[in-house]
Amino acid sequence: MLNRRQLTQTAIFSSLSMALGTGAVRAEPKFSAEALAVAGPLGDVALGNENAKVTVYEYASLTCSHCAAFHTNVWPKFKEKYIETGKIRFILREFPLDPLAVAGFMLARCNGNDRFYPVSDLLFDTQKSWAFVDKPAEALLNLMRQAGFTQESFEACLKNQSIYDGVLAVRTRGGKEFQIDATPTFFINGQMFKGAMSLEELEKAIDPLL
């Protein structure tokens, strides 16, 4: 008989499915600001100046090693230079590459918008300890205890159909409408860039727009 943790793990992997992808940095076609501004069913969680001249969208997967590298090595300096100074508006959007990434984004969404970035940052920073282990669901549960989840709230979150549908809606629209096939993918005032950008590459794309 399966115990509760095993049932949770089974539920994650039986109910969620995504396709894999990788990418390299290069500029791609430009999309309209109006189209990109349309949020998914769960809404966007924006950081920075609402009236900034530059808006940056990042489509990422919590199990993408390139995304984790960006958020570990580049994100702190990028946030300090551009977001905290009010130069840009930044929005992270869900583009999960696999069932575990779907689960991670659902957990980031479950406790309100003010917990979205703290939880997603935690998951990126500790990716190797939960995404690439023998028992990822159990590891994810143990990690989420640090974010205030109990086993009951953890399981309830992963059974929340509206959050599940909302996460998948963003991913589906990103693939169909914005031609996203790799993570991370950035849009800087509508211009697409694929791959984990360095701070210097971000500066080159953003600074002329300010």
N, C-alpha and C. Protein backbone atom coordinates (compact mmCIF):
# COMPACT_ATOMS: atom_id res chain seq x y z
N MET A 1 0.85 -1.20 0.00
CA MET A 1 0.00 0.00 0.00
C MET A 1 0.88 1.25 0.00
N LEU A 2 0.55 2.25 -0.82
CA LEU A 2 1.32 3.47 -0.91
C LEU A 2 1.04 4.36 0.30
N ASN A 3 2.10 4.95 0.85
CA ASN A 3 1.87 5.92 1.90
C ASN A 3 1.54 7.27 1.29
N ARG A 4 1.29 8.27 2.14
CA ARG A 4 0.81 9.55 1.63
C ARG A 4 1.85 10.24 0.76
N ARG A 5 3.13 10.14 1.13
CA ARG A 5 4.16 10.77 0.30
C ARG A 5 4.25 10.09 -1.05
N GLN A 6 4.15 8.80 -1.09
CA GLN A 6 4.19 8.08 -2.36
C GLN A 6 3.00 8.43 -3.22
N LEU A 7 1.85 8.59 -2.58
CA LEU A 7 0.65 8.98 -3.33
C LEU A 7 0.83 10.37 -3.93
N THR A 8 1.45 11.27 -3.16
CA THR A 8 1.70 12.61 -3.68
C THR A 8 2.61 12.56 -4.88
N GLN A 9 3.69 11.76 -4.77
CA GLN A 9 4.62 11.63 -5.89
C GLN A 9 3.93 11.04 -7.10
N THR A 10 3.10 10.02 -6.89
CA THR A 10 2.37 9.41 -7.99
C THR A 10 1.43 10.41 -8.64
N ALA A 11 0.77 11.23 -7.82
CA ALA A 11 -0.16 12.22 -8.35
C ALA A 11 0.54 13.23 -9.23
N ILE A 12 1.73 13.67 -8.78
CA ILE A 12 2.48 14.65 -9.55
C ILE A 12 2.82 14.12 -10.94
N PHE A 13 3.38 12.91 -10.97
CA PHE A 13 3.89 12.40 -12.23
C PHE A 13 2.82 11.78 -13.12
N SER A 14 1.68 11.46 -12.55
CA SER A 14 0.62 10.90 -13.38
C SER A 14 -0.30 11.96 -13.95
N SER A 15 -0.35 13.12 -13.30
CA SER A 15 -1.31 14.13 -13.73
C SER A 15 -0.69 15.27 -14.51
N LEU A 16 0.65 15.37 -14.53
CA LEU A 16 1.30 16.48 -15.20
C LEU A 16 2.23 15.97 -16.29
N SER A 17 2.22 16.62 -17.48
CA SER A 17 3.14 16.21 -18.55
C SER A 17 3.50 17.40 -19.42
N MET A 18 4.81 17.53 -19.75
CA MET A 18 5.32 18.63 -20.56
C MET A 18 6.39 18.12 -21.51
N ALA A 19 6.79 18.95 -22.46
CA ALA A 19 7.87 18.61 -23.39
C ALA A 19 9.15 19.33 -22.98
N LEU A 20 10.30 18.79 -23.37
CA LEU A 20 11.58 19.35 -23.00
C LEU A 20 12.08 20.32 -24.05
N GLY A 21 13.03 21.21 -23.64
CA GLY A 21 13.62 22.15 -24.58
C GLY A 21 14.89 22.77 -24.03
N THR A 22 15.73 23.30 -24.93
CA THR A 22 16.94 24.01 -24.56
C THR A 22 17.09 25.20 -25.48
N GLY A 23 18.04 26.07 -25.22
CA GLY A 23 18.16 27.24 -26.06
C GLY A 23 19.53 27.88 -26.01
N ALA A 24 19.78 28.83 -26.94
CA ALA A 24 21.00 29.62 -26.97
C ALA A 24 20.61 31.06 -27.25
N VAL A 25 21.37 32.02 -26.75
CA VAL A 25 21.01 33.42 -26.85
C VAL A 25 21.11 33.92 -28.28
N ARG A 26 20.06 34.51 -28.77
CA ARG A 26 20.08 35.22 -30.04
C ARG A 26 18.78 35.99 -30.15
N ALA A 27 18.79 37.09 -30.89
CA ALA A 27 17.59 37.88 -31.07
C ALA A 27 16.67 37.23 -32.08
N GLU A 28 15.39 37.26 -31.79
CA GLU A 28 14.39 36.65 -32.66
C GLU A 28 13.35 37.71 -33.04
N PRO A 29 12.30 37.34 -33.77
CA PRO A 29 11.28 38.32 -34.16
C PRO A 29 10.67 39.06 -32.98
N LYS A 30 10.15 40.21 -33.28
CA LYS A 30 9.55 41.05 -32.25
C LYS A 30 8.05 40.84 -32.21
N PHE A 31 7.49 40.87 -30.99
CA PHE A 31 6.06 40.71 -30.80
C PHE A 31 5.50 41.98 -30.18
N SER A 32 4.23 42.22 -30.38
CA SER A 32 3.63 43.47 -29.92
C SER A 32 3.53 43.50 -28.40
N ALA A 33 3.72 44.72 -27.87
CA ALA A 33 3.59 44.91 -26.43
C ALA A 33 2.19 44.57 -25.96
N GLU A 34 1.21 44.85 -26.79
CA GLU A 34 -0.18 44.59 -26.42
C GLU A 34 -0.43 43.09 -26.26
N ALA A 35 0.11 42.30 -27.17
CA ALA A 35 -0.08 40.85 -27.08
C ALA A 35 0.63 40.28 -25.86
N LEU A 36 1.86 40.71 -25.62
CA LEU A 36 2.62 40.21 -24.48
C LEU A 36 2.01 40.63 -23.14
N ALA A 37 1.31 41.76 -23.14
CA ALA A 37 0.76 42.28 -21.89
C ALA A 37 -0.44 41.48 -21.39
N VAL A 38 -1.01 40.64 -22.24
CA VAL A 38 -2.16 39.84 -21.83
C VAL A 38 -1.69 38.73 -20.89
N ALA A 39 -2.13 38.81 -19.66
CA ALA A 39 -1.71 37.84 -18.65
C ALA A 39 -2.51 36.56 -18.75
N GLY A 40 -2.01 35.51 -18.15
CA GLY A 40 -2.73 34.24 -18.08
C GLY A 40 -3.83 34.28 -17.05
N PRO A 41 -4.54 33.18 -16.87
CA PRO A 41 -5.67 33.13 -15.94
C PRO A 41 -5.31 33.46 -14.50
N LEU A 42 -4.09 33.21 -14.10
CA LEU A 42 -3.67 33.48 -12.73
C LEU A 42 -3.12 34.89 -12.54
N GLY A 43 -3.01 35.63 -13.64
CA GLY A 43 -2.46 36.98 -13.57
C GLY A 43 -0.95 36.97 -13.57
N ASP A 44 -0.36 38.14 -13.83
CA ASP A 44 1.09 38.30 -13.76
C ASP A 44 1.49 38.79 -12.39
N VAL A 45 2.70 38.46 -11.98
CA VAL A 45 3.29 39.01 -10.77
C VAL A 45 4.48 39.85 -11.21
N ALA A 46 4.30 41.15 -11.21
CA ALA A 46 5.31 42.06 -11.75
C ALA A 46 6.19 42.64 -10.65
N LEU A 47 7.43 42.90 -11.02
CA LEU A 47 8.37 43.59 -10.15
C LEU A 47 8.83 44.86 -10.85
N GLY A 48 9.12 45.90 -10.07
CA GLY A 48 9.67 47.11 -10.65
C GLY A 48 8.64 48.18 -10.92
N ASN A 49 9.04 49.14 -11.71
CA ASN A 49 8.26 50.32 -12.00
C ASN A 49 7.17 50.02 -13.02
N GLU A 50 5.94 50.22 -12.62
CA GLU A 50 4.81 49.95 -13.51
C GLU A 50 4.85 50.81 -14.76
N ASN A 51 5.45 51.99 -14.66
CA ASN A 51 5.50 52.93 -15.79
C ASN A 51 6.87 52.99 -16.45
N ALA A 52 7.69 51.96 -16.25
CA ALA A 52 9.02 51.95 -16.83
C ALA A 52 8.97 51.92 -18.35
N LYS A 53 10.02 52.44 -18.98
CA LYS A 53 10.10 52.44 -20.44
C LYS A 53 10.31 51.05 -21.01
N VAL A 54 10.87 50.17 -20.19
CA VAL A 54 11.24 48.83 -20.66
C VAL A 54 10.52 47.78 -19.82
N THR A 55 9.91 46.82 -20.49
CA THR A 55 9.31 45.67 -19.82
C THR A 55 10.02 44.41 -20.28
N VAL A 56 10.42 43.60 -19.31
CA VAL A 56 11.11 42.35 -19.59
C VAL A 56 10.27 41.18 -19.09
N TYR A 57 9.96 40.26 -19.99
CA TYR A 57 9.29 39.02 -19.63
C TYR A 57 10.31 37.89 -19.72
N GLU A 58 10.29 37.03 -18.73
CA GLU A 58 11.10 35.82 -18.80
C GLU A 58 10.19 34.61 -18.72
N TYR A 59 10.23 33.76 -19.72
CA TYR A 59 9.54 32.47 -19.68
C TYR A 59 10.57 31.43 -19.27
N ALA A 60 10.30 30.74 -18.16
CA ALA A 60 11.30 29.85 -17.58
C ALA A 60 10.65 28.58 -17.07
N SER A 61 11.49 27.58 -16.87
CA SER A 61 11.09 26.34 -16.22
C SER A 61 11.91 26.15 -14.96
N LEU A 62 11.26 25.74 -13.89
CA LEU A 62 11.96 25.57 -12.62
C LEU A 62 12.93 24.40 -12.63
N THR A 63 12.83 23.51 -13.60
CA THR A 63 13.76 22.38 -13.71
C THR A 63 14.79 22.58 -14.82
N CYS A 64 14.84 23.76 -15.39
CA CYS A 64 15.79 24.09 -16.45
C CYS A 64 17.10 24.55 -15.81
N SER A 65 18.19 23.85 -16.10
CA SER A 65 19.47 24.20 -15.48
C SER A 65 19.98 25.56 -15.96
N HIS A 66 19.68 25.92 -17.21
CA HIS A 66 20.07 27.23 -17.71
C HIS A 66 19.32 28.34 -16.99
N CYS A 67 18.05 28.10 -16.68
CA CYS A 67 17.26 29.07 -15.93
C CYS A 67 17.80 29.23 -14.52
N ALA A 68 18.14 28.12 -13.89
CA ALA A 68 18.70 28.17 -12.54
C ALA A 68 20.02 28.92 -12.52
N ALA A 69 20.85 28.69 -13.54
CA ALA A 69 22.13 29.39 -13.63
C ALA A 69 21.91 30.89 -13.76
N PHE A 70 20.94 31.28 -14.58
CA PHE A 70 20.63 32.71 -14.72
C PHE A 70 20.19 33.30 -13.39
N HIS A 71 19.28 32.62 -12.71
CA HIS A 71 18.74 33.17 -11.47
C HIS A 71 19.74 33.14 -10.33
N THR A 72 20.73 32.28 -10.42
CA THR A 72 21.77 32.24 -9.40
C THR A 72 22.87 33.25 -9.67
N ASN A 73 23.29 33.34 -10.93
CA ASN A 73 24.49 34.12 -11.25
C ASN A 73 24.21 35.53 -11.76
N VAL A 74 23.08 35.72 -12.43
CA VAL A 74 22.81 37.00 -13.08
C VAL A 74 21.69 37.78 -12.39
N TRP A 75 20.65 37.06 -11.98
CA TRP A 75 19.46 37.69 -11.42
C TRP A 75 19.73 38.70 -10.32
N PRO A 76 20.56 38.41 -9.31
CA PRO A 76 20.76 39.40 -8.23
C PRO A 76 21.29 40.74 -8.72
N LYS A 77 22.28 40.72 -9.61
CA LYS A 77 22.84 41.97 -10.15
C LYS A 77 21.87 42.65 -11.08
N PHE A 78 21.17 41.86 -11.88
CA PHE A 78 20.17 42.41 -12.80
C PHE A 78 19.05 43.10 -12.02
N LYS A 79 18.59 42.45 -10.98
CA LYS A 79 17.52 43.01 -10.14
C LYS A 79 17.96 44.31 -9.49
N GLU A 80 19.18 44.30 -8.98
CA GLU A 80 19.70 45.50 -8.31
C GLU A 80 19.84 46.67 -9.28
N LYS A 81 20.35 46.39 -10.48
CA LYS A 81 20.63 47.46 -11.42
C LYS A 81 19.39 48.00 -12.11
N TYR A 82 18.45 47.14 -12.44
CA TYR A 82 17.33 47.56 -13.28
C TYR A 82 15.96 47.58 -12.59
N ILE A 83 15.70 46.62 -11.73
CA ILE A 83 14.38 46.54 -11.11
C ILE A 83 14.28 47.46 -9.90
N GLU A 84 15.26 47.36 -9.01
CA GLU A 84 15.21 48.15 -7.78
C GLU A 84 15.40 49.64 -8.03
N THR A 85 15.97 50.00 -9.16
CA THR A 85 16.14 51.41 -9.53
C THR A 85 14.97 51.96 -10.33
N GLY A 86 13.99 51.11 -10.63
CA GLY A 86 12.81 51.55 -11.35
C GLY A 86 13.00 51.70 -12.85
N LYS A 87 14.10 51.15 -13.39
CA LYS A 87 14.36 51.32 -14.82
C LYS A 87 13.52 50.39 -15.68
N ILE A 88 13.16 49.21 -15.14
CA ILE A 88 12.36 48.27 -15.93
C ILE A 88 11.23 47.68 -15.10
N ARG A 89 10.32 47.08 -15.80
CA ARG A 89 9.26 46.25 -15.19
C ARG A 89 9.56 44.82 -15.61
N PHE A 90 9.58 43.90 -14.65
CA PHE A 90 9.96 42.52 -14.91
C PHE A 90 8.83 41.58 -14.53
N ILE A 91 8.60 40.57 -15.40
CA ILE A 91 7.56 39.57 -15.15
C ILE A 91 8.11 38.19 -15.49
N LEU A 92 8.09 37.29 -14.52
CA LEU A 92 8.43 35.88 -14.75
C LEU A 92 7.15 35.14 -15.10
N ARG A 93 7.19 34.38 -16.19
CA ARG A 93 6.03 33.58 -16.60
C ARG A 93 6.40 32.10 -16.68
N GLU A 94 5.42 31.28 -16.44
CA GLU A 94 5.62 29.84 -16.37
C GLU A 94 5.72 29.20 -17.76
N PHE A 95 6.81 28.47 -17.97
CA PHE A 95 6.94 27.64 -19.16
C PHE A 95 7.56 26.31 -18.72
N PRO A 96 6.83 25.52 -17.95
CA PRO A 96 7.39 24.29 -17.39
C PRO A 96 7.73 23.27 -18.47
N LEU A 97 8.88 22.63 -18.30
CA LEU A 97 9.35 21.66 -19.27
C LEU A 97 9.00 20.23 -18.91
N ASP A 98 8.48 20.01 -17.73
CA ASP A 98 8.21 18.65 -17.27
C ASP A 98 7.23 18.71 -16.11
N PRO A 99 6.70 17.57 -15.68
CA PRO A 99 5.71 17.55 -14.60
C PRO A 99 6.20 18.16 -13.30
N LEU A 100 7.45 17.96 -12.97
CA LEU A 100 7.97 18.49 -11.72
C LEU A 100 8.01 20.02 -11.73
N ALA A 101 8.33 20.60 -12.88
CA ALA A 101 8.32 22.05 -13.00
C ALA A 101 6.91 22.60 -12.88
N VAL A 102 5.93 21.90 -13.42
CA VAL A 102 4.53 22.31 -13.25
C VAL A 102 4.20 22.35 -11.76
N ALA A 103 4.58 21.28 -11.06
CA ALA A 103 4.31 21.22 -9.63
C ALA A 103 4.97 22.38 -8.89
N GLY A 104 6.22 22.68 -9.24
CA GLY A 104 6.92 23.78 -8.59
C GLY A 104 6.23 25.11 -8.80
N PHE A 105 5.78 25.38 -10.02
CA PHE A 105 5.08 26.63 -10.28
C PHE A 105 3.73 26.67 -9.57
N MET A 106 3.05 25.55 -9.47
CA MET A 106 1.81 25.52 -8.72
C MET A 106 2.04 25.89 -7.26
N LEU A 107 3.12 25.37 -6.69
CA LEU A 107 3.45 25.68 -5.30
C LEU A 107 3.82 27.14 -5.13
N ALA A 108 4.46 27.73 -6.13
CA ALA A 108 4.80 29.15 -6.07
C ALA A 108 3.55 30.02 -6.14
N ARG A 109 2.49 29.50 -6.72
CA ARG A 109 1.25 30.26 -6.89
C ARG A 109 0.26 30.09 -5.74
N CYS A 110 0.45 29.07 -4.93
CA CYS A 110 -0.62 28.69 -4.00
C CYS A 110 -0.84 29.64 -2.83
N ASN A 111 0.18 30.37 -2.42
CA ASN A 111 0.05 31.20 -1.22
C ASN A 111 0.04 32.69 -1.50
N GLY A 112 -0.42 33.05 -2.68
CA GLY A 112 -0.57 34.47 -3.00
C GLY A 112 0.61 35.04 -3.76
N ASN A 113 0.37 36.19 -4.40
CA ASN A 113 1.38 36.80 -5.26
C ASN A 113 2.65 37.20 -4.51
N ASP A 114 2.51 37.58 -3.24
CA ASP A 114 3.69 38.02 -2.51
C ASP A 114 4.65 36.88 -2.20
N ARG A 115 4.22 35.63 -2.42
CA ARG A 115 5.09 34.48 -2.20
C ARG A 115 5.62 33.89 -3.51
N PHE A 116 5.19 34.44 -4.65
CA PHE A 116 5.56 33.86 -5.94
C PHE A 116 7.07 33.90 -6.16
N TYR A 117 7.68 35.07 -6.00
CA TYR A 117 9.12 35.17 -6.25
C TYR A 117 9.95 34.54 -5.14
N PRO A 118 9.59 34.69 -3.86
CA PRO A 118 10.36 33.97 -2.84
C PRO A 118 10.38 32.46 -3.05
N VAL A 119 9.24 31.87 -3.44
CA VAL A 119 9.21 30.42 -3.65
C VAL A 119 9.94 30.05 -4.93
N SER A 120 9.71 30.76 -6.01
CA SER A 120 10.40 30.43 -7.26
C SER A 120 11.90 30.63 -7.13
N ASP A 121 12.34 31.67 -6.42
CA ASP A 121 13.77 31.87 -6.19
C ASP A 121 14.36 30.72 -5.39
N LEU A 122 13.63 30.29 -4.37
CA LEU A 122 14.08 29.16 -3.56
C LEU A 122 14.24 27.91 -4.42
N LEU A 123 13.29 27.67 -5.30
CA LEU A 123 13.34 26.48 -6.15
C LEU A 123 14.47 26.56 -7.16
N PHE A 124 14.72 27.73 -7.72
CA PHE A 124 15.87 27.87 -8.61
C PHE A 124 17.18 27.66 -7.85
N ASP A 125 17.30 28.28 -6.68
CA ASP A 125 18.55 28.24 -5.92
C ASP A 125 18.90 26.83 -5.44
N THR A 126 17.88 26.01 -5.21
CA THR A 126 18.11 24.66 -4.66
C THR A 126 17.76 23.58 -5.67
N GLN A 127 17.76 23.93 -6.94
CA GLN A 127 17.26 23.02 -7.99
C GLN A 127 17.88 21.63 -7.92
N LYS A 128 19.18 21.54 -7.72
CA LYS A 128 19.85 20.25 -7.73
C LYS A 128 19.40 19.35 -6.59
N SER A 129 18.89 19.94 -5.52
CA SER A 129 18.52 19.14 -4.35
C SER A 129 17.13 18.54 -4.44
N TRP A 130 16.34 18.96 -5.44
CA TRP A 130 14.99 18.40 -5.55
C TRP A 130 14.63 17.96 -6.98
N ALA A 131 15.19 18.61 -7.98
CA ALA A 131 14.79 18.30 -9.35
C ALA A 131 15.54 17.12 -9.94
N PHE A 132 16.70 16.82 -9.43
CA PHE A 132 17.54 15.78 -10.01
C PHE A 132 17.95 14.75 -8.96
N VAL A 133 16.97 14.29 -8.22
CA VAL A 133 17.21 13.28 -7.19
C VAL A 133 16.29 12.09 -7.43
N ASP A 134 16.53 11.00 -6.69
CA ASP A 134 15.76 9.78 -6.90
C ASP A 134 14.29 9.93 -6.52
N LYS A 135 14.02 10.73 -5.48
CA LYS A 135 12.65 10.92 -5.02
C LYS A 135 12.31 12.41 -5.02
N PRO A 136 12.09 12.98 -6.21
CA PRO A 136 11.91 14.43 -6.30
C PRO A 136 10.68 14.95 -5.58
N ALA A 137 9.59 14.20 -5.58
CA ALA A 137 8.38 14.67 -4.91
C ALA A 137 8.61 14.79 -3.41
N GLU A 138 9.28 13.82 -2.85
CA GLU A 138 9.58 13.86 -1.42
C GLU A 138 10.55 15.00 -1.11
N ALA A 139 11.55 15.18 -1.96
CA ALA A 139 12.50 16.28 -1.77
C ALA A 139 11.81 17.63 -1.90
N LEU A 140 10.88 17.73 -2.84
CA LEU A 140 10.14 18.98 -3.03
C LEU A 140 9.28 19.28 -1.81
N LEU A 141 8.63 18.27 -1.27
CA LEU A 141 7.84 18.46 -0.07
C LEU A 141 8.71 18.95 1.09
N ASN A 142 9.85 18.33 1.29
CA ASN A 142 10.73 18.73 2.38
C ASN A 142 11.21 20.17 2.20
N LEU A 143 11.50 20.56 0.97
CA LEU A 143 11.93 21.92 0.70
C LEU A 143 10.81 22.92 0.96
N MET A 144 9.59 22.55 0.55
CA MET A 144 8.47 23.46 0.70
C MET A 144 8.06 23.66 2.16
N ARG A 145 8.47 22.78 3.01
CA ARG A 145 8.25 23.01 4.44
C ARG A 145 8.95 24.29 4.88
N GLN A 146 10.08 24.61 4.25
CA GLN A 146 10.79 25.85 4.55
C GLN A 146 9.99 27.07 4.14
N ALA A 147 9.09 26.90 3.17
CA ALA A 147 8.26 28.00 2.69
C ALA A 147 6.92 28.04 3.39
N GLY A 148 6.75 27.22 4.44
CA GLY A 148 5.54 27.27 5.23
C GLY A 148 4.48 26.24 4.89
N PHE A 149 4.77 25.33 3.98
CA PHE A 149 3.81 24.30 3.62
C PHE A 149 3.84 23.16 4.64
N THR A 150 2.68 22.60 4.87
CA THR A 150 2.58 21.32 5.55
C THR A 150 2.35 20.26 4.48
N GLN A 151 2.40 19.00 4.86
CA GLN A 151 2.12 17.97 3.87
C GLN A 151 0.71 18.11 3.33
N GLU A 152 -0.22 18.50 4.22
CA GLU A 152 -1.61 18.65 3.79
C GLU A 152 -1.77 19.81 2.80
N SER A 153 -1.16 20.95 3.10
CA SER A 153 -1.29 22.09 2.19
C SER A 153 -0.52 21.85 0.89
N PHE A 154 0.57 21.14 0.97
CA PHE A 154 1.35 20.75 -0.21
C PHE A 154 0.49 19.90 -1.15
N GLU A 155 -0.15 18.88 -0.60
CA GLU A 155 -0.97 18.00 -1.43
C GLU A 155 -2.20 18.73 -1.96
N ALA A 156 -2.79 19.59 -1.12
CA ALA A 156 -3.97 20.34 -1.57
C ALA A 156 -3.62 21.27 -2.72
N CYS A 157 -2.45 21.89 -2.65
CA CYS A 157 -2.02 22.79 -3.73
C CYS A 157 -1.89 22.03 -5.04
N LEU A 158 -1.26 20.85 -5.00
CA LEU A 158 -1.02 20.09 -6.22
C LEU A 158 -2.30 19.47 -6.79
N LYS A 159 -3.38 19.51 -6.02
CA LYS A 159 -4.67 19.03 -6.50
C LYS A 159 -5.57 20.17 -6.96
N ASN A 160 -5.07 21.41 -6.90
CA ASN A 160 -5.87 22.58 -7.24
C ASN A 160 -5.96 22.70 -8.77
N GLN A 161 -7.12 22.37 -9.30
CA GLN A 161 -7.29 22.31 -10.75
C GLN A 161 -7.16 23.68 -11.40
N SER A 162 -7.64 24.74 -10.75
CA SER A 162 -7.59 26.06 -11.37
C SER A 162 -6.15 26.55 -11.48
N ILE A 163 -5.32 26.26 -10.49
CA ILE A 163 -3.91 26.65 -10.56
C ILE A 163 -3.19 25.82 -11.61
N TYR A 164 -3.46 24.53 -11.63
CA TYR A 164 -2.88 23.65 -12.65
C TYR A 164 -3.23 24.15 -14.05
N ASP A 165 -4.51 24.44 -14.28
CA ASP A 165 -4.95 24.92 -15.60
C ASP A 165 -4.31 26.26 -15.94
N GLY A 166 -4.18 27.13 -14.94
CA GLY A 166 -3.61 28.44 -15.17
C GLY A 166 -2.15 28.37 -15.59
N VAL A 167 -1.38 27.52 -14.92
CA VAL A 167 0.02 27.35 -15.28
C VAL A 167 0.16 26.81 -16.69
N LEU A 168 -0.63 25.80 -17.03
CA LEU A 168 -0.55 25.21 -18.36
C LEU A 168 -1.03 26.16 -19.45
N ALA A 169 -1.98 27.04 -19.12
CA ALA A 169 -2.47 28.00 -20.10
C ALA A 169 -1.37 28.96 -20.53
N VAL A 170 -0.55 29.40 -19.58
CA VAL A 170 0.56 30.30 -19.91
C VAL A 170 1.57 29.59 -20.80
N ARG A 171 1.86 28.35 -20.45
CA ARG A 171 2.82 27.59 -21.26
C ARG A 171 2.30 27.36 -22.68
N THR A 172 1.05 26.96 -22.79
CA THR A 172 0.47 26.67 -24.09
C THR A 172 0.44 27.92 -24.97
N ARG A 173 0.02 29.04 -24.41
CA ARG A 173 -0.03 30.28 -25.19
C ARG A 173 1.37 30.73 -25.58
N GLY A 174 2.33 30.56 -24.68
CA GLY A 174 3.70 30.94 -25.01
C GLY A 174 4.23 30.17 -26.20
N GLY A 175 3.92 28.88 -26.24
CA GLY A 175 4.38 28.07 -27.35
C GLY A 175 3.68 28.40 -28.65
N LYS A 176 2.36 28.55 -28.59
CA LYS A 176 1.58 28.75 -29.81
C LYS A 176 1.68 30.17 -30.35
N GLU A 177 1.54 31.17 -29.47
CA GLU A 177 1.46 32.55 -29.92
C GLU A 177 2.82 33.23 -30.03
N PHE A 178 3.74 32.86 -29.13
CA PHE A 178 5.04 33.54 -29.09
C PHE A 178 6.20 32.66 -29.54
N GLN A 179 5.89 31.47 -30.06
CA GLN A 179 6.90 30.59 -30.67
C GLN A 179 8.01 30.19 -29.70
N ILE A 180 7.69 30.09 -28.42
CA ILE A 180 8.68 29.69 -27.43
C ILE A 180 8.87 28.18 -27.51
N ASP A 181 10.11 27.75 -27.64
CA ASP A 181 10.41 26.33 -27.68
C ASP A 181 11.62 25.98 -26.83
N ALA A 182 12.06 26.92 -26.01
CA ALA A 182 13.24 26.71 -25.17
C ALA A 182 13.16 27.62 -23.95
N THR A 183 13.88 27.27 -22.91
CA THR A 183 13.95 28.12 -21.73
C THR A 183 15.39 28.33 -21.32
N PRO A 184 15.70 29.52 -20.76
CA PRO A 184 14.77 30.64 -20.65
C PRO A 184 14.62 31.36 -21.99
N THR A 185 13.48 32.01 -22.17
CA THR A 185 13.26 32.90 -23.30
C THR A 185 12.84 34.25 -22.74
N PHE A 186 13.51 35.31 -23.19
CA PHE A 186 13.23 36.66 -22.72
C PHE A 186 12.57 37.49 -23.83
N PHE A 187 11.71 38.40 -23.41
CA PHE A 187 11.16 39.41 -24.31
C PHE A 187 11.48 40.76 -23.70
N ILE A 188 12.24 41.57 -24.42
CA ILE A 188 12.63 42.90 -23.96
C ILE A 188 11.95 43.91 -24.88
N ASN A 189 10.92 44.56 -24.35
CA ASN A 189 10.06 45.41 -25.17
C ASN A 189 9.62 44.70 -26.45
N GLY A 190 9.28 43.44 -26.29
CA GLY A 190 8.74 42.65 -27.39
C GLY A 190 9.76 41.86 -28.18
N GLN A 191 11.03 42.23 -28.10
CA GLN A 191 12.07 41.50 -28.84
C GLN A 191 12.43 40.21 -28.10
N MET A 192 12.40 39.10 -28.83
CA MET A 192 12.68 37.80 -28.23
C MET A 192 14.17 37.51 -28.20
N PHE A 193 14.62 36.98 -27.06
CA PHE A 193 15.99 36.49 -26.91
C PHE A 193 15.92 35.11 -26.26
N LYS A 194 16.53 34.12 -26.89
CA LYS A 194 16.50 32.75 -26.37
C LYS A 194 17.80 32.44 -25.64
N GLY A 195 17.68 31.81 -24.49
CA GLY A 195 18.85 31.36 -23.75
C GLY A 195 19.11 32.21 -22.52
N ALA A 196 19.99 31.70 -21.65
CA ALA A 196 20.33 32.38 -20.41
C ALA A 196 21.27 33.54 -20.71
N MET A 197 20.75 34.76 -20.69
CA MET A 197 21.53 35.94 -21.05
C MET A 197 22.45 36.33 -19.90
N SER A 198 23.62 36.80 -20.25
CA SER A 198 24.53 37.36 -19.25
C SER A 198 24.08 38.78 -18.93
N LEU A 199 24.64 39.35 -17.87
CA LEU A 199 24.31 40.73 -17.54
C LEU A 199 24.73 41.66 -18.67
N GLU A 200 25.86 41.38 -19.27
CA GLU A 200 26.34 42.22 -20.37
C GLU A 200 25.40 42.15 -21.57
N GLU A 201 24.88 40.99 -21.87
CA GLU A 201 23.92 40.85 -22.98
C GLU A 201 22.62 41.57 -22.67
N LEU A 202 22.19 41.51 -21.43
CA LEU A 202 20.99 42.23 -21.02
C LEU A 202 21.21 43.74 -21.12
N GLU A 203 22.36 44.19 -20.68
CA GLU A 203 22.68 45.62 -20.76
C GLU A 203 22.65 46.09 -22.22
N LYS A 204 23.22 45.30 -23.09
CA LYS A 204 23.28 45.66 -24.51
C LYS A 204 21.88 45.78 -25.11
N ALA A 205 20.95 44.94 -24.65
CA ALA A 205 19.58 44.97 -25.17
C ALA A 205 18.73 46.05 -24.52
N ILE A 206 18.97 46.30 -23.23
CA ILE A 206 18.10 47.19 -22.47
C ILE A 206 18.53 48.66 -22.52
N ASP A 207 19.82 48.93 -22.36
CA ASP A 207 20.28 50.30 -22.17
C ASP A 207 19.90 51.25 -23.30
N PRO A 208 19.93 50.82 -24.59
CA PRO A 208 19.52 51.74 -25.65
C PRO A 208 18.04 52.12 -25.59
N LEU A 209 17.24 51.35 -24.86
CA LEU A 209 15.81 51.61 -24.77
C LEU A 209 15.44 52.55 -23.63
N LEU A 210 16.38 52.81 -22.74
CA LEU A 210 16.09 53.62 -21.56
C LEU A 210 16.16 55.11 -21.87
